[in-house]
Amino acid sequence: MKTTIKNLVSLFLIAIMSIVLSNITGFEPMPIAGVLLVAGVAVYVTRVKNQSNVMFEGLAAEVWIPMVKEDFYPKNSFLNGAMDLSSLVNNDKINFAEAGADPTVLKNNTTYPINVVKAADTPKAITLDYYDTESTWVENATAIEQAYDQKVLYTNKHKKALLKKLGMDAAYAYAPTQDDSATKNKVIALGSGSIIDAIIDLRAFYDGVDDDGSERHLVLDPSHLAMISKEDKVLYKAMLAEEGATFFGFKMWNYSKNPIYVTSTGVKAAAGAAYVSGTHNKSSFSFLGSEVMKAIGTMEMFSKLKDPDYKGDIFNFQMRALVGRVRAKYAGAILK
C-alpha cells in the first residue's frame, strides 16, 4: 500500500514538473514527462544496487563477526574458569617475559654489602593459532542479505564449530600429561573405587601444595557424573541445578570431550586419539584458574558473493586464538 502511494505521488510530481518545464521551454508536456520518468528509473536502479552492496558489506564487517565474538564462551563452559589474556594480544601475539631466578635468602648474614643480582627476564612471544571453519554455500544470495533468521542460523553454526574445537584443545591442554610429583601434577586411577572419594583425594592434593582454594575447577566426564548420581543422588541433583557451582572446593563443570589416558601407563593419549575400551580410560580433569589461559585475537570473515560456479554465496570464518597452561603445574585428573 505504501509503495503504491509512493508511486502515485512520484507520477503526480513528474506531471507537475512536466507542466512547469513546458511553460518555461515551450516543449510539449508529454515528451518532458517521458524524459523525467526514464531519468527517475535510472537513479532508482543505481540507488538500489548501491544499497544492496552496502548492505552485504555491513553484514560481513559490522554484524557477522561481532555475532560470533559476542558471548563466545557460554555460561556453562569450563573455559570461563581460565584467565582471559585477550587484552594482551597484539598483532595476534601475546608478549610476556619469563622471570629470572628467585633471589637467595641469607640467614644471620654478616657479610656486607649484600650480593646484588641483576634482574634477567627473558622476553617471549607466543603466536596465536589459526582456527578456520569450512565454507558454507548458500545458493540464494538474498538468503543472507534479507533473511535475518538464516543469517543467525549460519553464523551460529560457525560460532559453535569454533567453540567446540577450542574447547577440545583447551581440555587437552589443561589436563596433566601424567602423574608427576616433581611438577605437582596429580593423576588418580579410580579403579573400582568411589568417584566422590577420588574428588576428596584430589582436593587433598591441592591442599598439600598450599593452594588457597579460590580458583579450583573440576571438569567432569559424563560417565563420572553418572557415577556421582549413583553414589549420592542429592549431590547429583544439586550439581545439575547450577553448573559452575562449588562442591568439595571445586567449581564443577561438565564436558564430554575430555582427553583420554592410556590404561597401562596412565599417560595422556595423543590429541584426537579415538577411545578404545580396555586400552584407554576416560578422564575428569582439574586445574587452577590462574594456571591456565585463553585468548582470542583477530577474526575475519571470507566470502565470495554470487559465485558463478555455485550460483550463490560462499563464506567462512578465521579466528586467531590460543589456549594452554601458563606453567606445567597444579593440574589433576581422575581416570576410570
C-alpha atoms as a PDB file:
ATOM      1  CA  MET A   1       0.000   0.000   0.000  1.00  0.00           C
ATOM      2  CA  LYS A   2       2.819   2.391   0.966  1.00  0.00           C
ATOM      3  CA  THR A   3       4.658   1.573  -2.262  1.00  0.00           C
ATOM      4  CA  THR A   4       1.526   2.281  -4.341  1.00  0.00           C
ATOM      5  CA  ILE A   5       1.021   5.678  -2.684  1.00  0.00           C
ATOM      6  CA  LYS A   6       4.717   6.482  -3.216  1.00  0.00           C
ATOM      7  CA  ASN A   7       4.441   5.652  -6.916  1.00  0.00           C
ATOM      8  CA  LEU A   8       1.296   7.797  -7.318  1.00  0.00           C
ATOM      9  CA  VAL A   9       2.988  10.736  -5.598  1.00  0.00           C
ATOM     10  CA  SER A  10       6.036  10.341  -7.861  1.00  0.00           C
ATOM     11  CA  LEU A  11       3.857  10.318 -11.003  1.00  0.00           C
ATOM     12  CA  PHE A  12       1.993  13.376  -9.734  1.00  0.00           C
ATOM     13  CA  LEU A  13       5.259  15.246  -9.177  1.00  0.00           C
ATOM     14  CA  ILE A  14       6.523  14.262 -12.636  1.00  0.00           C
ATOM     15  CA  ALA A  15       3.271  15.623 -14.146  1.00  0.00           C
ATOM     16  CA  ILE A  16       3.643  18.942 -12.281  1.00  0.00           C
ATOM     17  CA  MET A  17       7.317  19.233 -13.280  1.00  0.00           C
ATOM     18  CA  SER A  18       6.421  18.476 -16.907  1.00  0.00           C
ATOM     19  CA  ILE A  19       3.842  21.283 -16.994  1.00  0.00           C
ATOM     20  CA  VAL A  20       6.242  23.748 -15.347  1.00  0.00           C
ATOM     21  CA  LEU A  21       9.091  22.891 -17.732  1.00  0.00           C
ATOM     22  CA  SER A  22       6.682  23.006 -20.697  1.00  0.00           C
ATOM     23  CA  ASN A  23       5.748  26.587 -19.823  1.00  0.00           C
ATOM     24  CA  ILE A  24       9.435  27.523 -19.467  1.00  0.00           C
ATOM     25  CA  THR A  25      10.816  25.765 -22.552  1.00  0.00           C
ATOM     26  CA  GLY A  26       7.820  25.714 -24.862  1.00  0.00           C
ATOM     27  CA  PHE A  27       8.056  21.919 -25.410  1.00  0.00           C
ATOM     28  CA  GLU A  28       5.035  19.627 -25.113  1.00  0.00           C
ATOM     29  CA  PRO A  29       4.462  18.210 -21.560  1.00  0.00           C
ATOM     30  CA  MET A  30       4.321  14.509 -22.579  1.00  0.00           C
ATOM     31  CA  PRO A  31       7.871  14.210 -24.015  1.00  0.00           C
ATOM     32  CA  ILE A  32       9.215  16.056 -20.962  1.00  0.00           C
ATOM     33  CA  ALA A  33       7.351  13.664 -18.652  1.00  0.00           C
ATOM     34  CA  GLY A  34       8.872  10.694 -20.515  1.00  0.00           C
ATOM     35  CA  VAL A  35      12.394  12.032 -20.075  1.00  0.00           C
ATOM     36  CA  LEU A  36      11.819  12.665 -16.366  1.00  0.00           C
ATOM     37  CA  LEU A  37      10.386   9.167 -15.894  1.00  0.00           C
ATOM     38  CA  VAL A  38      13.369   7.472 -17.597  1.00  0.00           C
ATOM     39  CA  ALA A  39      15.823   9.543 -15.553  1.00  0.00           C
ATOM     40  CA  GLY A  40      13.987   8.691 -12.320  1.00  0.00           C
ATOM     41  CA  VAL A  41      14.069   4.965 -13.051  1.00  0.00           C
ATOM     42  CA  ALA A  42      17.823   5.105 -13.771  1.00  0.00           C
ATOM     43  CA  VAL A  43      18.517   6.894 -10.489  1.00  0.00           C
ATOM     44  CA  TYR A  44      16.332   4.406  -8.578  1.00  0.00           C
ATOM     45  CA  VAL A  45      18.100   1.346 -10.049  1.00  0.00           C
ATOM     46  CA  THR A  46      21.532   2.780  -9.223  1.00  0.00           C
ATOM     47  CA  ARG A  47      20.452   3.569  -5.666  1.00  0.00           C
ATOM     48  CA  VAL A  48      19.054   0.052  -5.092  1.00  0.00           C
ATOM     49  CA  LYS A  49      22.241  -1.516  -6.436  1.00  0.00           C
ATOM     50  CA  ASN A  50      24.434   0.606  -4.190  1.00  0.00           C
ATOM     51  CA  GLN A  51      22.247  -0.075  -1.146  1.00  0.00           C
ATOM     52  CA  SER A  52      22.433  -3.812  -1.824  1.00  0.00           C
ATOM     53  CA  ASN A  53      26.247  -3.733  -1.934  1.00  0.00           C
ATOM     54  CA  VAL A  54      26.472  -1.620   1.210  1.00  0.00           C
ATOM     55  CA  MET A  55      24.029  -3.940   2.971  1.00  0.00           C
ATOM     56  CA  PHE A  56      26.131  -7.036   2.396  1.00  0.00           C
ATOM     57  CA  GLU A  57      29.372  -5.280   3.290  1.00  0.00           C
ATOM     58  CA  GLY A  58      27.721  -4.130   6.511  1.00  0.00           C
ATOM     59  CA  LEU A  59      26.649  -7.666   7.348  1.00  0.00           C
ATOM     60  CA  ALA A  60      30.152  -9.002   6.860  1.00  0.00           C
ATOM     61  CA  ALA A  61      32.045  -6.314   8.730  1.00  0.00           C
ATOM     62  CA  GLU A  62      29.562  -4.996  11.258  1.00  0.00           C
ATOM     63  CA  VAL A  63      27.164  -7.812  12.083  1.00  0.00           C
ATOM     64  CA  TRP A  64      28.550 -11.255  11.342  1.00  0.00           C
ATOM     65  CA  ILE A  65      31.907 -11.023  13.139  1.00  0.00           C
ATOM     66  CA  PRO A  66      30.517  -9.368  16.307  1.00  0.00           C
ATOM     67  CA  MET A  67      27.786 -12.021  16.403  1.00  0.00           C
ATOM     68  CA  VAL A  68      30.456 -14.730  16.508  1.00  0.00           C
ATOM     69  CA  LYS A  69      32.575 -12.906  19.090  1.00  0.00           C
ATOM     70  CA  GLU A  70      29.754 -11.806  21.389  1.00  0.00           C
ATOM     71  CA  ASP A  71      29.342 -14.072  24.437  1.00  0.00           C
ATOM     72  CA  PHE A  72      31.679 -16.549  22.754  1.00  0.00           C
ATOM     73  CA  TYR A  73      32.065 -18.617  25.934  1.00  0.00           C
ATOM     74  CA  PRO A  74      28.645 -19.874  27.117  1.00  0.00           C
ATOM     75  CA  LYS A  75      27.926 -19.713  30.833  1.00  0.00           C
ATOM     76  CA  ASN A  76      28.202 -23.485  31.206  1.00  0.00           C
ATOM     77  CA  SER A  77      31.691 -23.674  29.652  1.00  0.00           C
ATOM     78  CA  PHE A  78      34.712 -24.563  31.781  1.00  0.00           C
ATOM     79  CA  LEU A  79      36.654 -22.031  29.684  1.00  0.00           C
ATOM     80  CA  ASN A  80      35.114 -19.356  31.899  1.00  0.00           C
ATOM     81  CA  GLY A  81      37.445 -20.592  34.650  1.00  0.00           C
ATOM     82  CA  ALA A  82      40.624 -19.769  32.712  1.00  0.00           C
ATOM     83  CA  MET A  83      42.433 -16.435  32.661  1.00  0.00           C
ATOM     84  CA  ASP A  84      41.399 -14.368  29.642  1.00  0.00           C
ATOM     85  CA  LEU A  85      44.526 -12.807  28.116  1.00  0.00           C
ATOM     86  CA  SER A  86      42.767 -11.417  25.034  1.00  0.00           C
ATOM     87  CA  SER A  87      43.523  -7.857  26.149  1.00  0.00           C
ATOM     88  CA  LEU A  88      47.259  -8.639  25.940  1.00  0.00           C
ATOM     89  CA  VAL A  89      47.087  -9.801  22.320  1.00  0.00           C
ATOM     90  CA  ASN A  90      48.981  -7.542  19.929  1.00  0.00           C
ATOM     91  CA  ASN A  91      49.190  -8.447  16.239  1.00  0.00           C
ATOM     92  CA  ASP A  92      47.928 -11.920  17.166  1.00  0.00           C
ATOM     93  CA  LYS A  93      50.794 -12.473  19.596  1.00  0.00           C
ATOM     94  CA  ILE A  94      50.997 -12.440  23.376  1.00  0.00           C
ATOM     95  CA  ASN A  95      54.197 -10.805  24.569  1.00  0.00           C
ATOM     96  CA  PHE A  96      55.462 -11.535  28.052  1.00  0.00           C
ATOM     97  CA  ALA A  97      58.682 -12.050  29.982  1.00  0.00           C
ATOM     98  CA  GLU A  98      59.857 -15.160  31.792  1.00  0.00           C
ATOM     99  CA  ALA A  99      61.175 -14.052  35.166  1.00  0.00           C
ATOM    100  CA  GLY A 100      64.735 -14.868  36.151  1.00  0.00           C
ATOM    101  CA  ALA A 101      65.873 -16.894  39.136  1.00  0.00           C
ATOM    102  CA  ASP A 102      64.466 -16.294  42.620  1.00  0.00           C
ATOM    103  CA  PRO A 103      66.753 -14.334  44.982  1.00  0.00           C
ATOM    104  CA  THR A 104      68.833 -16.231  47.513  1.00  0.00           C
ATOM    105  CA  VAL A 105      67.760 -15.815  51.137  1.00  0.00           C
ATOM    106  CA  LEU A 106      70.552 -15.180  53.652  1.00  0.00           C
ATOM    107  CA  LYS A 107      70.137 -16.170  57.285  1.00  0.00           C
ATOM    108  CA  ASN A 108      72.074 -14.342  60.013  1.00  0.00           C
ATOM    109  CA  ASN A 109      74.157 -12.616  57.365  1.00  0.00           C
ATOM    110  CA  THR A 110      77.372 -10.832  58.470  1.00  0.00           C
ATOM    111  CA  THR A 111      78.872 -10.078  55.065  1.00  0.00           C
ATOM    112  CA  TYR A 112      78.253  -6.669  53.511  1.00  0.00           C
ATOM    113  CA  PRO A 113      77.490  -5.338  51.050  1.00  0.00           C
ATOM    114  CA  ILE A 114      74.915  -7.972  50.267  1.00  0.00           C
ATOM    115  CA  ASN A 115      75.392  -9.552  46.862  1.00  0.00           C
ATOM    116  CA  VAL A 116      73.449  -7.930  44.011  1.00  0.00           C
ATOM    117  CA  VAL A 117      71.973  -9.998  41.195  1.00  0.00           C
ATOM    118  CA  LYS A 118      70.672  -8.136  38.171  1.00  0.00           C
ATOM    119  CA  ALA A 119      67.106  -8.973  37.095  1.00  0.00           C
ATOM    120  CA  ALA A 120      67.336 -11.049  33.947  1.00  0.00           C
ATOM    121  CA  ASP A 121      63.878 -11.507  32.487  1.00  0.00           C
ATOM    122  CA  THR A 122      63.691 -13.313  29.163  1.00  0.00           C
ATOM    123  CA  PRO A 123      61.287 -11.690  26.673  1.00  0.00           C
ATOM    124  CA  LYS A 124      58.995 -14.203  24.982  1.00  0.00           C
ATOM    125  CA  ALA A 125      56.191 -14.075  22.454  1.00  0.00           C
ATOM    126  CA  ILE A 126      53.541 -16.679  21.706  1.00  0.00           C
ATOM    127  CA  THR A 127      51.760 -16.584  18.349  1.00  0.00           C
ATOM    128  CA  LEU A 128      48.055 -17.375  18.390  1.00  0.00           C
ATOM    129  CA  ASP A 129      46.837 -20.425  16.482  1.00  0.00           C
ATOM    130  CA  TYR A 130      44.667 -20.285  13.366  1.00  0.00           C
ATOM    131  CA  TYR A 131      41.149 -21.719  13.518  1.00  0.00           C
ATOM    132  CA  ASP A 132      39.380 -21.891  10.134  1.00  0.00           C
ATOM    133  CA  THR A 133      35.818 -23.065   9.554  1.00  0.00           C
ATOM    134  CA  GLU A 134      34.901 -24.925   6.410  1.00  0.00           C
ATOM    135  CA  SER A 135      32.899 -22.878   3.949  1.00  0.00           C
ATOM    136  CA  THR A 136      29.122 -22.631   3.891  1.00  0.00           C
ATOM    137  CA  TRP A 137      27.438 -22.399   0.492  1.00  0.00           C
ATOM    138  CA  VAL A 138      24.112 -20.579   0.273  1.00  0.00           C
ATOM    139  CA  GLU A 139      22.542 -20.884  -3.152  1.00  0.00           C
ATOM    140  CA  ASN A 140      20.322 -17.834  -2.925  1.00  0.00           C
ATOM    141  CA  ALA A 141      22.174 -14.594  -2.180  1.00  0.00           C
ATOM    142  CA  THR A 142      19.059 -12.999  -0.769  1.00  0.00           C
ATOM    143  CA  ALA A 143      19.015 -15.688   1.946  1.00  0.00           C
ATOM    144  CA  ILE A 144      21.977 -13.932   3.525  1.00  0.00           C
ATOM    145  CA  GLU A 145      21.145 -10.351   2.620  1.00  0.00           C
ATOM    146  CA  GLN A 146      17.491 -10.272   3.581  1.00  0.00           C
ATOM    147  CA  ALA A 147      16.531 -13.268   5.755  1.00  0.00           C
ATOM    148  CA  TYR A 148      17.616 -12.426   9.294  1.00  0.00           C
ATOM    149  CA  ASP A 149      16.774 -15.880  10.644  1.00  0.00           C
ATOM    150  CA  GLN A 150      19.027 -17.575   8.109  1.00  0.00           C
ATOM    151  CA  LYS A 151      21.837 -15.172   8.850  1.00  0.00           C
ATOM    152  CA  VAL A 152      21.631 -16.029  12.546  1.00  0.00           C
ATOM    153  CA  LEU A 153      21.419 -19.748  11.798  1.00  0.00           C
ATOM    154  CA  TYR A 154      24.539 -19.896   9.651  1.00  0.00           C
ATOM    155  CA  THR A 155      26.542 -17.571  11.876  1.00  0.00           C
ATOM    156  CA  ASN A 156      25.731 -19.627  14.982  1.00  0.00           C
ATOM    157  CA  LYS A 157      26.780 -22.815  13.202  1.00  0.00           C
ATOM    158  CA  HIS A 158      30.237 -21.378  12.594  1.00  0.00           C
ATOM    159  CA  LYS A 159      30.404 -19.966  16.117  1.00  0.00           C
ATOM    160  CA  LYS A 160      29.547 -23.337  17.678  1.00  0.00           C
ATOM    161  CA  ALA A 161      32.074 -25.127  15.485  1.00  0.00           C
ATOM    162  CA  LEU A 162      34.845 -22.733  16.557  1.00  0.00           C
ATOM    163  CA  LEU A 163      33.905 -23.045  20.232  1.00  0.00           C
ATOM    164  CA  LYS A 164      33.791 -26.847  20.009  1.00  0.00           C
ATOM    165  CA  LYS A 165      37.287 -27.062  18.557  1.00  0.00           C
ATOM    166  CA  LEU A 166      38.705 -24.513  21.007  1.00  0.00           C
ATOM    167  CA  GLY A 167      37.075 -26.368  23.922  1.00  0.00           C
ATOM    168  CA  MET A 168      38.599 -29.679  22.855  1.00  0.00           C
ATOM    169  CA  ASP A 169      42.035 -28.096  22.540  1.00  0.00           C
ATOM    170  CA  ALA A 170      41.662 -26.433  25.943  1.00  0.00           C
ATOM    171  CA  ALA A 171      40.586 -29.661  27.661  1.00  0.00           C
ATOM    172  CA  TYR A 172      43.598 -31.457  26.255  1.00  0.00           C
ATOM    173  CA  ALA A 173      45.988 -28.631  27.154  1.00  0.00           C
ATOM    174  CA  TYR A 174      44.691 -28.077  30.697  1.00  0.00           C
ATOM    175  CA  ALA A 175      44.779 -31.759  31.718  1.00  0.00           C
ATOM    176  CA  PRO A 176      48.059 -33.181  33.075  1.00  0.00           C
ATOM    177  CA  THR A 177      50.222 -35.422  30.916  1.00  0.00           C
ATOM    178  CA  GLN A 178      50.754 -37.930  33.734  1.00  0.00           C
ATOM    179  CA  ASP A 179      51.113 -38.219  37.483  1.00  0.00           C
ATOM    180  CA  ASP A 180      54.296 -36.374  38.437  1.00  0.00           C
ATOM    181  CA  SER A 181      55.104 -35.179  41.949  1.00  0.00           C
ATOM    182  CA  ALA A 182      58.092 -33.156  40.684  1.00  0.00           C
ATOM    183  CA  THR A 183      55.872 -30.866  38.594  1.00  0.00           C
ATOM    184  CA  LYS A 184      52.971 -31.109  41.069  1.00  0.00           C
ATOM    185  CA  ASN A 185      50.537 -32.873  38.733  1.00  0.00           C
ATOM    186  CA  LYS A 186      48.215 -35.497  40.172  1.00  0.00           C
ATOM    187  CA  VAL A 187      46.538 -38.375  38.312  1.00  0.00           C
ATOM    188  CA  ILE A 188      44.254 -40.694  40.288  1.00  0.00           C
ATOM    189  CA  ALA A 189      43.308 -44.096  38.831  1.00  0.00           C
ATOM    190  CA  LEU A 190      39.822 -44.764  40.143  1.00  0.00           C
ATOM    191  CA  GLY A 191      39.569 -48.487  39.503  1.00  0.00           C
ATOM    192  CA  SER A 192      36.566 -49.800  41.411  1.00  0.00           C
ATOM    193  CA  GLY A 193      36.738 -47.006  43.981  1.00  0.00           C
ATOM    194  CA  SER A 194      34.342 -44.178  44.739  1.00  0.00           C
ATOM    195  CA  ILE A 195      34.302 -41.136  42.454  1.00  0.00           C
ATOM    196  CA  ILE A 196      33.409 -38.922  45.415  1.00  0.00           C
ATOM    197  CA  ASP A 197      36.383 -40.289  47.383  1.00  0.00           C
ATOM    198  CA  ALA A 198      38.627 -39.554  44.385  1.00  0.00           C
ATOM    199  CA  ILE A 199      37.399 -35.934  44.307  1.00  0.00           C
ATOM    200  CA  ILE A 200      38.156 -35.642  48.024  1.00  0.00           C
ATOM    201  CA  ASP A 201      41.665 -37.051  47.394  1.00  0.00           C
ATOM    202  CA  LEU A 202      42.138 -34.517  44.594  1.00  0.00           C
ATOM    203  CA  ARG A 203      41.139 -31.759  46.978  1.00  0.00           C
ATOM    204  CA  ALA A 204      43.737 -33.048  49.469  1.00  0.00           C
ATOM    205  CA  PHE A 205      46.353 -32.840  46.697  1.00  0.00           C
ATOM    206  CA  TYR A 206      45.641 -29.126  46.178  1.00  0.00           C
ATOM    207  CA  ASP A 207      45.576 -28.511  49.911  1.00  0.00           C
ATOM    208  CA  GLY A 208      49.018 -30.136  50.056  1.00  0.00           C
ATOM    209  CA  VAL A 209      50.536 -27.717  47.552  1.00  0.00           C
ATOM    210  CA  ASP A 210      49.284 -24.767  49.617  1.00  0.00           C
ATOM    211  CA  ASP A 211      46.796 -23.554  47.034  1.00  0.00           C
ATOM    212  CA  ASP A 212      44.389 -21.086  48.640  1.00  0.00           C
ATOM    213  CA  GLY A 213      41.399 -22.893  47.108  1.00  0.00           C
ATOM    214  CA  SER A 214      39.884 -19.867  45.388  1.00  0.00           C
ATOM    215  CA  GLU A 215      40.335 -20.964  41.752  1.00  0.00           C
ATOM    216  CA  ARG A 216      39.967 -24.731  41.703  1.00  0.00           C
ATOM    217  CA  HIS A 217      37.986 -26.190  38.815  1.00  0.00           C
ATOM    218  CA  LEU A 218      36.952 -29.777  38.099  1.00  0.00           C
ATOM    219  CA  VAL A 219      35.636 -30.768  34.664  1.00  0.00           C
ATOM    220  CA  LEU A 220      33.635 -33.984  34.930  1.00  0.00           C
ATOM    221  CA  ASP A 221      33.237 -36.549  32.185  1.00  0.00           C
ATOM    222  CA  PRO A 222      29.560 -37.601  31.742  1.00  0.00           C
ATOM    223  CA  SER A 223      30.352 -41.145  32.880  1.00  0.00           C
ATOM    224  CA  HIS A 224      31.888 -39.826  36.100  1.00  0.00           C
ATOM    225  CA  LEU A 225      28.887 -37.584  36.664  1.00  0.00           C
ATOM    226  CA  ALA A 226      26.700 -40.664  36.285  1.00  0.00           C
ATOM    227  CA  MET A 227      28.770 -42.403  38.974  1.00  0.00           C
ATOM    228  CA  ILE A 228      28.119 -39.499  41.332  1.00  0.00           C
ATOM    229  CA  SER A 229      24.377 -39.845  40.691  1.00  0.00           C
ATOM    230  CA  LYS A 230      24.560 -43.479  41.867  1.00  0.00           C
ATOM    231  CA  GLU A 231      26.634 -42.662  44.958  1.00  0.00           C
ATOM    232  CA  ASP A 232      24.765 -39.537  46.079  1.00  0.00           C
ATOM    233  CA  LYS A 233      21.570 -38.555  44.289  1.00  0.00           C
ATOM    234  CA  VAL A 234      21.096 -35.409  46.397  1.00  0.00           C
ATOM    235  CA  LEU A 235      24.569 -34.174  45.473  1.00  0.00           C
ATOM    236  CA  TYR A 236      23.971 -35.090  41.849  1.00  0.00           C
ATOM    237  CA  LYS A 237      20.775 -33.026  41.642  1.00  0.00           C
ATOM    238  CA  ALA A 238      22.487 -30.074  43.327  1.00  0.00           C
ATOM    239  CA  MET A 239      25.346 -30.207  40.809  1.00  0.00           C
ATOM    240  CA  LEU A 240      22.957 -30.288  37.861  1.00  0.00           C
ATOM    241  CA  ALA A 241      20.960 -27.357  39.228  1.00  0.00           C
ATOM    242  CA  GLU A 242      23.839 -24.900  38.831  1.00  0.00           C
ATOM    243  CA  GLU A 243      26.809 -25.727  36.647  1.00  0.00           C
ATOM    244  CA  GLY A 244      29.883 -23.873  37.822  1.00  0.00           C
ATOM    245  CA  ALA A 245      28.763 -24.073  41.458  1.00  0.00           C
ATOM    246  CA  THR A 246      31.315 -25.108  44.084  1.00  0.00           C
ATOM    247  CA  PHE A 247      31.398 -28.588  45.649  1.00  0.00           C
ATOM    248  CA  PHE A 248      34.299 -30.100  47.601  1.00  0.00           C
ATOM    249  CA  GLY A 249      36.214 -26.878  46.991  1.00  0.00           C
ATOM    250  CA  PHE A 250      35.951 -27.175  43.175  1.00  0.00           C
ATOM    251  CA  LYS A 251      33.816 -25.263  40.710  1.00  0.00           C
ATOM    252  CA  MET A 252      32.176 -28.120  38.846  1.00  0.00           C
ATOM    253  CA  TRP A 253      31.767 -28.265  35.065  1.00  0.00           C
ATOM    254  CA  ASN A 254      30.536 -30.980  32.691  1.00  0.00           C
ATOM    255  CA  TYR A 255      32.237 -31.700  29.374  1.00  0.00           C
ATOM    256  CA  SER A 256      32.012 -34.655  27.006  1.00  0.00           C
ATOM    257  CA  LYS A 257      35.304 -34.169  25.126  1.00  0.00           C
ATOM    258  CA  ASN A 258      37.803 -34.628  27.946  1.00  0.00           C
ATOM    259  CA  PRO A 259      41.140 -36.220  26.987  1.00  0.00           C
ATOM    260  CA  ILE A 260      41.632 -39.962  27.335  1.00  0.00           C
ATOM    261  CA  TYR A 261      44.546 -41.766  29.016  1.00  0.00           C
ATOM    262  CA  VAL A 262      46.357 -44.982  28.184  1.00  0.00           C
ATOM    263  CA  THR A 263      45.247 -47.544  30.766  1.00  0.00           C
ATOM    264  CA  SER A 264      48.565 -49.388  31.036  1.00  0.00           C
ATOM    265  CA  THR A 265      50.726 -46.289  31.589  1.00  0.00           C
ATOM    266  CA  GLY A 266      48.397 -43.617  32.948  1.00  0.00           C
ATOM    267  CA  VAL A 267      49.778 -41.221  30.315  1.00  0.00           C
ATOM    268  CA  LYS A 268      47.539 -38.876  28.345  1.00  0.00           C
ATOM    269  CA  ALA A 269      46.873 -40.271  24.861  1.00  0.00           C
ATOM    270  CA  ALA A 270      47.724 -38.271  21.756  1.00  0.00           C
ATOM    271  CA  ALA A 271      45.381 -35.413  20.920  1.00  0.00           C
ATOM    272  CA  GLY A 272      42.481 -36.619  18.824  1.00  0.00           C
ATOM    273  CA  ALA A 273      43.028 -40.304  19.626  1.00  0.00           C
ATOM    274  CA  ALA A 274      39.875 -42.409  19.440  1.00  0.00           C
ATOM    275  CA  TYR A 275      38.724 -44.049  22.661  1.00  0.00           C
ATOM    276  CA  VAL A 276      39.145 -47.836  22.745  1.00  0.00           C
ATOM    277  CA  SER A 277      37.589 -49.740  25.630  1.00  0.00           C
ATOM    278  CA  GLY A 278      40.221 -51.668  27.554  1.00  0.00           C
ATOM    279  CA  THR A 279      43.019 -49.582  26.067  1.00  0.00           C
ATOM    280  CA  HIS A 280      42.003 -46.164  27.317  1.00  0.00           C
ATOM    281  CA  ASN A 281      40.471 -44.585  30.393  1.00  0.00           C
ATOM    282  CA  LYS A 282      38.107 -41.633  30.270  1.00  0.00           C
ATOM    283  CA  SER A 283      39.047 -38.720  32.488  1.00  0.00           C
ATOM    284  CA  SER A 284      37.786 -35.848  34.549  1.00  0.00           C
ATOM    285  CA  PHE A 285      40.415 -33.153  34.966  1.00  0.00           C
ATOM    286  CA  SER A 286      41.125 -30.274  37.325  1.00  0.00           C
ATOM    287  CA  PHE A 287      43.028 -27.020  37.025  1.00  0.00           C
ATOM    288  CA  LEU A 288      43.677 -23.747  38.796  1.00  0.00           C
ATOM    289  CA  GLY A 289      42.242 -20.705  37.051  1.00  0.00           C
ATOM    290  CA  SER A 290      45.497 -18.768  37.490  1.00  0.00           C
ATOM    291  CA  GLU A 291      47.491 -21.562  35.825  1.00  0.00           C
ATOM    292  CA  VAL A 292      45.612 -21.810  32.516  1.00  0.00           C
ATOM    293  CA  MET A 293      44.773 -19.225  29.885  1.00  0.00           C
ATOM    294  CA  LYS A 294      42.666 -18.466  26.859  1.00  0.00           C
ATOM    295  CA  ALA A 295      42.921 -15.637  24.338  1.00  0.00           C
ATOM    296  CA  ILE A 296      41.129 -14.570  21.173  1.00  0.00           C
ATOM    297  CA  GLY A 297      42.779 -12.336  18.601  1.00  0.00           C
ATOM    298  CA  THR A 298      41.538 -11.170  15.235  1.00  0.00           C
ATOM    299  CA  MET A 299      38.553 -12.695  13.490  1.00  0.00           C
ATOM    300  CA  GLU A 300      37.887 -12.468   9.779  1.00  0.00           C
ATOM    301  CA  MET A 301      35.033 -13.437   7.517  1.00  0.00           C
ATOM    302  CA  PHE A 302      35.897 -14.552   3.979  1.00  0.00           C
ATOM    303  CA  SER A 303      33.234 -14.626   1.296  1.00  0.00           C
ATOM    304  CA  LYS A 304      32.572 -14.939  -2.415  1.00  0.00           C
ATOM    305  CA  LEU A 305      29.333 -13.277  -3.416  1.00  0.00           C
ATOM    306  CA  LYS A 306      27.282 -14.578  -6.318  1.00  0.00           C
ATOM    307  CA  ASP A 307      29.862 -17.180  -7.283  1.00  0.00           C
ATOM    308  CA  PRO A 308      29.181 -18.091 -10.949  1.00  0.00           C
ATOM    309  CA  ASP A 309      30.001 -21.782 -10.441  1.00  0.00           C
ATOM    310  CA  TYR A 310      27.898 -22.262  -7.319  1.00  0.00           C
ATOM    311  CA  LYS A 311      25.191 -19.744  -8.190  1.00  0.00           C
ATOM    312  CA  GLY A 312      25.226 -18.368  -4.693  1.00  0.00           C
ATOM    313  CA  ASP A 313      27.377 -17.105  -1.840  1.00  0.00           C
ATOM    314  CA  ILE A 314      30.228 -18.932  -0.087  1.00  0.00           C
ATOM    315  CA  PHE A 315      31.639 -17.832   3.246  1.00  0.00           C
ATOM    316  CA  ASN A 316      33.699 -18.994   6.224  1.00  0.00           C
ATOM    317  CA  PHE A 317      35.438 -17.584   9.296  1.00  0.00           C
ATOM    318  CA  GLN A 318      39.009 -17.486  10.559  1.00  0.00           C
ATOM    319  CA  MET A 319      39.733 -16.921  14.229  1.00  0.00           C
ATOM    320  CA  ARG A 320      43.099 -16.444  15.887  1.00  0.00           C
ATOM    321  CA  ALA A 321      43.053 -17.956  19.362  1.00  0.00           C
ATOM    322  CA  LEU A 322      45.200 -19.702  21.944  1.00  0.00           C
ATOM    323  CA  VAL A 323      44.536 -21.959  24.928  1.00  0.00           C
ATOM    324  CA  GLY A 324      47.120 -23.514  27.214  1.00  0.00           C
ATOM    325  CA  ARG A 325      48.768 -23.768  30.607  1.00  0.00           C
ATOM    326  CA  VAL A 326      50.834 -20.932  31.993  1.00  0.00           C
ATOM    327  CA  ARG A 327      53.073 -23.444  33.764  1.00  0.00           C
ATOM    328  CA  ALA A 328      53.023 -27.229  33.622  1.00  0.00           C
ATOM    329  CA  LYS A 329      51.901 -27.405  37.265  1.00  0.00           C
ATOM    330  CA  TYR A 330      48.891 -27.954  39.500  1.00  0.00           C
ATOM    331  CA  ALA A 331      46.727 -29.984  37.151  1.00  0.00           C
ATOM    332  CA  GLY A 332      44.842 -33.103  38.168  1.00  0.00           C
ATOM    333  CA  ALA A 333      42.900 -35.962  36.622  1.00  0.00           C
ATOM    334  CA  ILE A 334      40.667 -38.825  37.718  1.00  0.00           C
ATOM    335  CA  LEU A 335      40.739 -41.882  35.432  1.00  0.00           C
ATOM    336  CA  LYS A 336      38.073 -44.544  35.018  1.00  0.00           C
END
